[in-house]
Amino acid sequence: MGPVGYFIAILGCADSGASCQTVATLAPHYESAAQCAAARDDALDRNSDLDFPTLIAQCQKSSVRPAAAKRDAPLAPTQPRAAA
């Protein structure tokens, strides 16, 4: 398997987190799942103006990653939040 990094995708969902679709992918790429997870809540707050009842920030694997990055733990999505 080639190098892997992580990025944050913002998912817009119908009520209660069902029927989600990707509505934004954020430019910063992270070397580890932990770095990505630490940035999710802030990313969700900065993108809370999207027109969906529920928004979710989720770390996803990317094929682009700096060569020095290490393999990390599996990813876990944030809890769904109702849009403000």
N, C-alpha and C. Protein backbone atom coordinates (compact mmCIF):
# COMPACT_ATOMS: atom_id res chain seq x y z
N MET A 1 0.85 -1.18 0.00
CA MET A 1 0.00 0.00 0.00
C MET A 1 0.89 1.23 0.00
N GLY A 2 0.54 2.25 -0.80
CA GLY A 2 1.30 3.48 -0.91
C GLY A 2 1.08 4.39 0.28
N PRO A 3 1.72 5.55 0.26
CA PRO A 3 1.59 6.51 1.36
C PRO A 3 0.14 6.97 1.52
N VAL A 4 -0.24 7.23 2.74
CA VAL A 4 -1.60 7.67 3.04
C VAL A 4 -1.54 8.83 4.01
N GLY A 5 -2.37 9.84 3.77
CA GLY A 5 -2.55 10.95 4.68
C GLY A 5 -4.03 11.05 4.99
N TYR A 6 -4.43 12.13 5.62
CA TYR A 6 -5.82 12.29 6.02
C TYR A 6 -6.29 13.70 5.72
N PHE A 7 -7.56 13.84 5.38
CA PHE A 7 -8.17 15.14 5.19
C PHE A 7 -9.55 15.11 5.82
N ILE A 8 -10.12 16.29 6.02
CA ILE A 8 -11.45 16.38 6.63
C ILE A 8 -12.48 16.62 5.54
N ALA A 9 -13.50 15.79 5.54
CA ALA A 9 -14.65 15.96 4.65
C ALA A 9 -15.83 16.40 5.51
N ILE A 10 -16.56 17.38 5.02
CA ILE A 10 -17.80 17.82 5.68
C ILE A 10 -18.94 17.15 4.95
N LEU A 11 -19.75 16.41 5.70
CA LEU A 11 -20.90 15.71 5.14
C LEU A 11 -22.18 16.44 5.53
N GLY A 12 -23.04 16.66 4.56
CA GLY A 12 -24.36 17.21 4.83
C GLY A 12 -25.36 16.07 4.84
N CYS A 13 -26.18 16.03 5.88
CA CYS A 13 -27.08 14.89 6.07
C CYS A 13 -28.52 15.34 6.28
N ALA A 14 -29.41 14.43 5.95
CA ALA A 14 -30.82 14.62 6.30
C ALA A 14 -30.91 14.51 7.83
N ASP A 15 -32.06 14.70 8.38
CA ASP A 15 -32.24 14.63 9.83
C ASP A 15 -31.63 13.37 10.42
N SER A 16 -31.02 13.49 11.58
CA SER A 16 -30.45 12.40 12.37
C SER A 16 -29.24 11.73 11.72
N GLY A 17 -28.60 12.37 10.78
CA GLY A 17 -27.38 11.82 10.19
C GLY A 17 -27.60 10.77 9.12
N ALA A 18 -28.81 10.64 8.62
CA ALA A 18 -29.09 9.67 7.55
C ALA A 18 -28.92 10.34 6.19
N SER A 19 -28.71 9.56 5.16
CA SER A 19 -28.60 10.05 3.78
C SER A 19 -27.60 11.19 3.65
N CYS A 20 -26.35 10.92 4.02
CA CYS A 20 -25.30 11.94 3.99
C CYS A 20 -24.61 11.99 2.63
N GLN A 21 -24.13 13.18 2.27
CA GLN A 21 -23.32 13.36 1.07
C GLN A 21 -22.20 14.33 1.39
N THR A 22 -21.08 14.18 0.72
CA THR A 22 -19.95 15.08 0.92
C THR A 22 -20.29 16.43 0.30
N VAL A 23 -20.20 17.50 1.12
CA VAL A 23 -20.50 18.84 0.63
C VAL A 23 -19.27 19.73 0.61
N ALA A 24 -18.19 19.32 1.27
CA ALA A 24 -16.94 20.08 1.25
C ALA A 24 -15.79 19.17 1.65
N THR A 25 -14.65 19.38 1.05
CA THR A 25 -13.42 18.74 1.49
C THR A 25 -12.43 19.86 1.79
N LEU A 26 -11.79 19.78 2.92
CA LEU A 26 -10.93 20.87 3.37
C LEU A 26 -9.49 20.65 2.92
N ALA A 27 -8.83 21.72 2.58
CA ALA A 27 -7.49 21.68 1.99
C ALA A 27 -6.40 21.12 2.90
N PRO A 28 -6.35 21.44 4.16
CA PRO A 28 -5.22 20.91 4.94
C PRO A 28 -5.22 19.39 4.94
N HIS A 29 -4.06 18.82 4.74
CA HIS A 29 -3.88 17.37 4.83
C HIS A 29 -3.06 17.09 6.07
N TYR A 30 -3.39 16.04 6.78
CA TYR A 30 -2.74 15.69 8.04
C TYR A 30 -1.94 14.42 7.87
N GLU A 31 -0.83 14.33 8.56
CA GLU A 31 0.04 13.16 8.49
C GLU A 31 -0.51 11.98 9.27
N SER A 32 -1.33 12.26 10.29
CA SER A 32 -1.82 11.17 11.13
C SER A 32 -3.32 11.31 11.36
N ALA A 33 -3.93 10.19 11.70
CA ALA A 33 -5.35 10.19 12.04
C ALA A 33 -5.59 11.03 13.29
N ALA A 34 -4.66 11.02 14.23
CA ALA A 34 -4.81 11.79 15.46
C ALA A 34 -4.81 13.30 15.17
N GLN A 35 -3.93 13.76 14.28
CA GLN A 35 -3.91 15.18 13.92
C GLN A 35 -5.21 15.57 13.24
N CYS A 36 -5.69 14.74 12.37
CA CYS A 36 -6.95 15.01 11.68
C CYS A 36 -8.10 15.06 12.67
N ALA A 37 -8.17 14.09 13.55
CA ALA A 37 -9.25 14.04 14.54
C ALA A 37 -9.24 15.27 15.44
N ALA A 38 -8.05 15.75 15.79
CA ALA A 38 -7.95 16.93 16.66
C ALA A 38 -8.48 18.19 15.97
N ALA A 39 -8.49 18.21 14.65
CA ALA A 39 -8.94 19.39 13.90
C ALA A 39 -10.40 19.33 13.47
N ARG A 40 -11.08 18.20 13.68
CA ARG A 40 -12.45 18.03 13.18
C ARG A 40 -13.45 19.01 13.75
N ASP A 41 -13.46 19.18 15.06
CA ASP A 41 -14.47 20.05 15.67
C ASP A 41 -14.35 21.49 15.18
N ASP A 42 -13.12 21.99 15.09
CA ASP A 42 -12.90 23.34 14.59
C ASP A 42 -13.34 23.46 13.14
N ALA A 43 -13.03 22.44 12.34
CA ALA A 43 -13.44 22.44 10.94
C ALA A 43 -14.96 22.45 10.81
N LEU A 44 -15.64 21.71 11.66
CA LEU A 44 -17.10 21.67 11.63
C LEU A 44 -17.67 23.04 12.02
N ASP A 45 -17.08 23.65 13.04
CA ASP A 45 -17.53 24.99 13.45
C ASP A 45 -17.36 26.01 12.33
N ARG A 46 -16.25 25.94 11.60
CA ARG A 46 -15.98 26.90 10.51
C ARG A 46 -16.88 26.67 9.30
N ASN A 47 -17.48 25.51 9.19
CA ASN A 47 -18.32 25.18 8.04
C ASN A 47 -19.78 24.96 8.41
N SER A 48 -20.20 25.53 9.52
CA SER A 48 -21.57 25.30 10.01
C SER A 48 -22.62 26.08 9.23
N ASP A 49 -22.21 26.88 8.25
CA ASP A 49 -23.17 27.67 7.47
C ASP A 49 -23.74 26.91 6.26
N LEU A 50 -23.33 25.68 6.07
CA LEU A 50 -23.84 24.89 4.95
C LEU A 50 -25.30 24.53 5.19
N ASP A 51 -26.08 24.47 4.14
CA ASP A 51 -27.54 24.34 4.24
C ASP A 51 -28.00 22.89 4.31
N PHE A 52 -27.75 22.27 5.46
CA PHE A 52 -28.20 20.89 5.73
C PHE A 52 -28.68 20.82 7.17
N PRO A 53 -29.68 20.00 7.47
CA PRO A 53 -30.14 19.87 8.86
C PRO A 53 -29.05 19.37 9.80
N THR A 54 -28.20 18.48 9.31
CA THR A 54 -27.13 17.92 10.14
C THR A 54 -25.83 17.93 9.35
N LEU A 55 -24.75 18.35 10.01
CA LEU A 55 -23.42 18.33 9.40
C LEU A 55 -22.50 17.43 10.22
N ILE A 56 -21.64 16.70 9.54
CA ILE A 56 -20.68 15.82 10.18
C ILE A 56 -19.30 16.10 9.59
N ALA A 57 -18.30 16.22 10.44
CA ALA A 57 -16.91 16.32 9.98
C ALA A 57 -16.29 14.94 10.15
N GLN A 58 -15.69 14.43 9.09
CA GLN A 58 -15.16 13.07 9.12
C GLN A 58 -13.76 13.07 8.50
N CYS A 59 -12.82 12.42 9.17
CA CYS A 59 -11.49 12.25 8.60
C CYS A 59 -11.53 11.11 7.59
N GLN A 60 -10.91 11.35 6.46
CA GLN A 60 -10.85 10.33 5.41
C GLN A 60 -9.41 10.17 4.94
N LYS A 61 -9.10 8.99 4.48
CA LYS A 61 -7.76 8.71 3.98
C LYS A 61 -7.56 9.36 2.62
N SER A 62 -6.35 9.82 2.40
CA SER A 62 -5.96 10.40 1.13
C SER A 62 -4.72 9.69 0.64
N SER A 63 -4.51 9.65 -0.66
CA SER A 63 -3.30 9.01 -1.18
C SER A 63 -2.10 9.95 -1.15
N VAL A 64 -2.33 11.21 -0.74
CA VAL A 64 -1.25 12.19 -0.66
C VAL A 64 -0.82 12.35 0.78
N ARG A 65 0.48 12.16 1.04
CA ARG A 65 0.99 12.27 2.40
C ARG A 65 2.49 12.49 2.36
N PRO A 66 3.00 13.33 3.25
CA PRO A 66 4.45 13.49 3.32
C PRO A 66 5.13 12.16 3.61
N ALA A 67 6.31 11.95 3.07
CA ALA A 67 7.02 10.67 3.19
C ALA A 67 7.35 10.30 4.62
N ALA A 68 7.50 11.27 5.50
CA ALA A 68 7.89 10.99 6.89
C ALA A 68 6.72 10.56 7.76
N ALA A 69 5.51 10.57 7.25
CA ALA A 69 4.34 10.25 8.08
C ALA A 69 4.33 8.78 8.47
N LYS A 70 3.71 8.51 9.63
CA LYS A 70 3.64 7.15 10.17
C LYS A 70 2.23 6.60 10.04
N ARG A 71 2.11 5.30 10.17
CA ARG A 71 0.80 4.65 10.17
C ARG A 71 0.14 4.88 11.52
N ASP A 72 -1.19 5.18 11.50
CA ASP A 72 -1.91 5.51 12.73
C ASP A 72 -3.16 4.68 12.91
N ALA A 73 -3.83 4.94 14.01
CA ALA A 73 -5.04 4.21 14.39
C ALA A 73 -6.18 4.50 13.41
N PRO A 74 -7.21 3.65 13.39
CA PRO A 74 -8.37 3.87 12.53
C PRO A 74 -9.08 5.17 12.87
N LEU A 75 -9.86 5.65 11.93
CA LEU A 75 -10.56 6.92 12.08
C LEU A 75 -11.93 6.71 12.70
N ALA A 76 -12.39 7.74 13.41
CA ALA A 76 -13.74 7.70 13.97
C ALA A 76 -14.42 9.02 13.63
N PRO A 77 -15.64 9.00 13.11
CA PRO A 77 -16.33 10.23 12.77
C PRO A 77 -16.76 10.98 14.03
N THR A 78 -17.00 12.29 13.89
CA THR A 78 -17.53 13.06 15.00
C THR A 78 -19.01 12.75 15.13
N GLN A 79 -19.59 13.17 16.24
CA GLN A 79 -21.02 13.02 16.41
C GLN A 79 -21.73 14.02 15.52
N PRO A 80 -22.87 13.66 14.93
CA PRO A 80 -23.61 14.61 14.09
C PRO A 80 -24.04 15.81 14.92
N ARG A 81 -24.05 16.97 14.28
CA ARG A 81 -24.51 18.20 14.91
C ARG A 81 -25.60 18.79 14.04
N ALA A 82 -26.62 19.32 14.68
CA ALA A 82 -27.65 20.04 13.95
C ALA A 82 -27.04 21.35 13.49
N ALA A 83 -27.34 21.76 12.28
CA ALA A 83 -26.82 23.02 11.75
C ALA A 83 -27.41 24.17 12.54
N ALA A 84 -26.60 25.20 12.76
CA ALA A 84 -27.06 26.35 13.53
C ALA A 84 -27.91 27.27 12.70
